[in-house]
Amino acid sequence: MSLLLLLIPLIGIGFVTIEANYGLALTNSIRIKSIALITSIVNLVVSLVMFILFDFSSKQYQFIEEHYEISYFDIYLGVDGLSIYFILLTTIIMPIAILSN
């Protein structure tokens, strides 16, 4: 689930890039902003689900994902008790920032 928090914005960037290159000039900025808003709201929903499923009685990392030997790198993702609040704060601020623009 923590990998989704990284992949959803990357997928949104791909859609924004496609829209910027191949979209119509008049509605281009509106579509790009709507894609960014939808992407940030989906990311917010994923982080809210993580927050609801988070076990605060444990002091261990949760939602751990390990990926070994991915082009000479080992990826180890996890969420602890402090970082869950920062994840939630970031994903709450992003749609607000996009809407205020």
Protein backbone atom coordinates (compact mmCIF):
# COMPACT_ATOMS: atom_id res chain seq x y z
CA MET A 1 0.00 0.00 0.00
CA SER A 2 2.91 2.34 0.61
CA LEU A 3 4.07 1.67 -2.93
CA LEU A 4 0.72 3.00 -4.18
CA LEU A 5 1.50 6.36 -2.56
CA LEU A 6 4.53 6.57 -4.83
CA LEU A 7 3.01 5.14 -8.00
CA ILE A 8 -0.25 7.13 -8.11
CA PRO A 9 1.50 10.52 -8.57
CA LEU A 10 3.79 8.98 -11.21
CA ILE A 11 0.77 7.73 -13.14
CA GLY A 12 -0.77 11.20 -12.82
CA ILE A 13 2.41 12.74 -14.21
CA GLY A 14 2.13 10.41 -17.19
CA PHE A 15 -1.45 11.52 -17.87
CA VAL A 16 -0.50 15.19 -17.49
CA THR A 17 2.38 14.73 -19.92
CA ILE A 18 0.12 13.05 -22.48
CA GLU A 19 -2.49 15.80 -22.09
CA ALA A 20 0.12 18.57 -22.38
CA ASN A 21 1.56 17.13 -25.57
CA TYR A 22 -1.56 15.95 -27.36
CA GLY A 23 -4.45 17.95 -25.88
CA LEU A 24 -6.27 20.93 -27.34
CA ALA A 25 -4.81 24.33 -26.51
CA LEU A 26 -8.03 25.93 -25.22
CA THR A 27 -8.98 23.30 -22.63
CA ASN A 28 -5.46 22.11 -21.94
CA SER A 29 -4.90 23.86 -18.60
CA ILE A 30 -8.32 22.91 -17.26
CA ARG A 31 -7.77 19.24 -18.05
CA ILE A 32 -4.28 19.27 -16.60
CA LYS A 33 -5.55 20.80 -13.36
CA SER A 34 -8.41 18.31 -13.17
CA ILE A 35 -6.00 15.39 -13.72
CA ALA A 36 -3.76 16.74 -10.96
CA LEU A 37 -6.73 17.18 -8.62
CA ILE A 38 -8.08 13.68 -9.27
CA THR A 39 -4.63 12.19 -8.75
CA SER A 40 -4.15 14.00 -5.45
CA ILE A 41 -7.63 12.99 -4.22
CA VAL A 42 -6.95 9.34 -5.05
CA ASN A 43 -3.68 9.62 -3.15
CA LEU A 44 -5.57 11.17 -0.22
CA VAL A 45 -8.04 8.27 -0.16
CA VAL A 46 -5.18 5.75 -0.13
CA SER A 47 -3.49 7.57 2.76
CA LEU A 48 -6.78 7.73 4.70
CA VAL A 49 -7.18 3.98 4.28
CA MET A 50 -3.62 3.53 5.52
CA PHE A 51 -4.35 5.75 8.52
CA ILE A 52 -7.50 3.78 9.38
CA LEU A 53 -5.72 0.43 9.09
CA PHE A 54 -2.63 1.60 11.00
CA ASP A 55 -2.07 -0.16 14.35
CA PHE A 56 -0.92 2.51 16.79
CA SER A 57 -0.19 0.01 19.55
CA SER A 58 2.79 -1.39 17.62
CA LYS A 59 6.14 0.34 17.43
CA GLN A 60 7.23 -1.56 14.34
CA TYR A 61 7.09 -0.50 10.71
CA GLN A 62 3.82 -1.32 9.01
CA PHE A 63 2.72 -1.64 5.37
CA ILE A 64 6.19 -2.97 4.59
CA GLU A 65 7.08 -3.69 0.99
CA GLU A 66 10.44 -5.14 0.05
CA HIS A 67 11.71 -5.31 -3.50
CA TYR A 68 15.15 -6.79 -3.96
CA GLU A 69 17.47 -6.70 -6.95
CA ILE A 70 15.64 -4.09 -8.95
CA SER A 71 18.44 -2.83 -11.21
CA TYR A 72 21.13 -2.96 -8.52
CA PHE A 73 18.91 -1.38 -5.85
CA ASP A 74 17.00 -2.82 -2.93
CA ILE A 75 13.80 -0.98 -2.07
CA TYR A 76 12.37 -1.24 1.44
CA LEU A 77 9.27 0.84 2.12
CA GLY A 78 7.49 1.06 5.45
CA VAL A 79 5.45 3.45 7.57
CA ASP A 80 6.04 4.09 11.27
CA GLY A 81 4.05 6.03 13.86
CA LEU A 82 5.54 9.41 13.02
CA SER A 83 5.60 9.16 9.25
CA ILE A 84 1.89 8.23 9.02
CA TYR A 85 1.04 11.74 10.21
CA PHE A 86 3.36 13.35 7.65
CA ILE A 87 1.89 11.21 4.87
CA LEU A 88 -1.62 12.25 5.90
CA LEU A 89 -0.63 15.91 6.21
CA THR A 90 0.98 15.95 2.77
CA THR A 91 -1.93 14.26 1.06
CA ILE A 92 -4.41 16.64 2.71
CA ILE A 93 -2.46 19.74 1.68
CA MET A 94 -2.03 18.73 -1.98
CA PRO A 95 -5.70 18.97 -3.10
CA ILE A 96 -6.07 22.22 -1.16
CA ALA A 97 -3.02 23.66 -2.93
CA ILE A 98 -4.28 22.55 -6.34
CA LEU A 99 -7.76 23.98 -5.71
CA SER A 100 -6.35 27.30 -4.50
CA ASN A 101 -4.30 27.73 -7.65
